[in-house]
Amino acid sequence: MSRLTDLDIGARAVIKDIVANEEFKNRLRDFGIKKNSQITLKGYGFLKKVVKVETDSNTCVALRKEEADKVLVERESF
């Protein structure tokens, strides 16, 4: 497993865990970011301080690096 911020732009992955308190997990879940869901890394902001992802429900979400580091993923192999 690796952190969301370890992915390259365009990479797809499955969320394996979110290492955070329940309040933060619930906030991410509201955006469609939850365990076992698929995400695609769409891009990074300046100095990689912001991470833009697309969920499997086609919702685009921007996360701070500190938040994205809490999302553990497994890269999809084609």
Foldseek 3Di string as FASTA:
>chain_A
DAFQLVDDAFWKWFWAFFQDDPVLQVVVVVQVDHHGWMKGFHDADPVNQWTWIATPVRGIDIDGPVRRRRTDTDTDDD
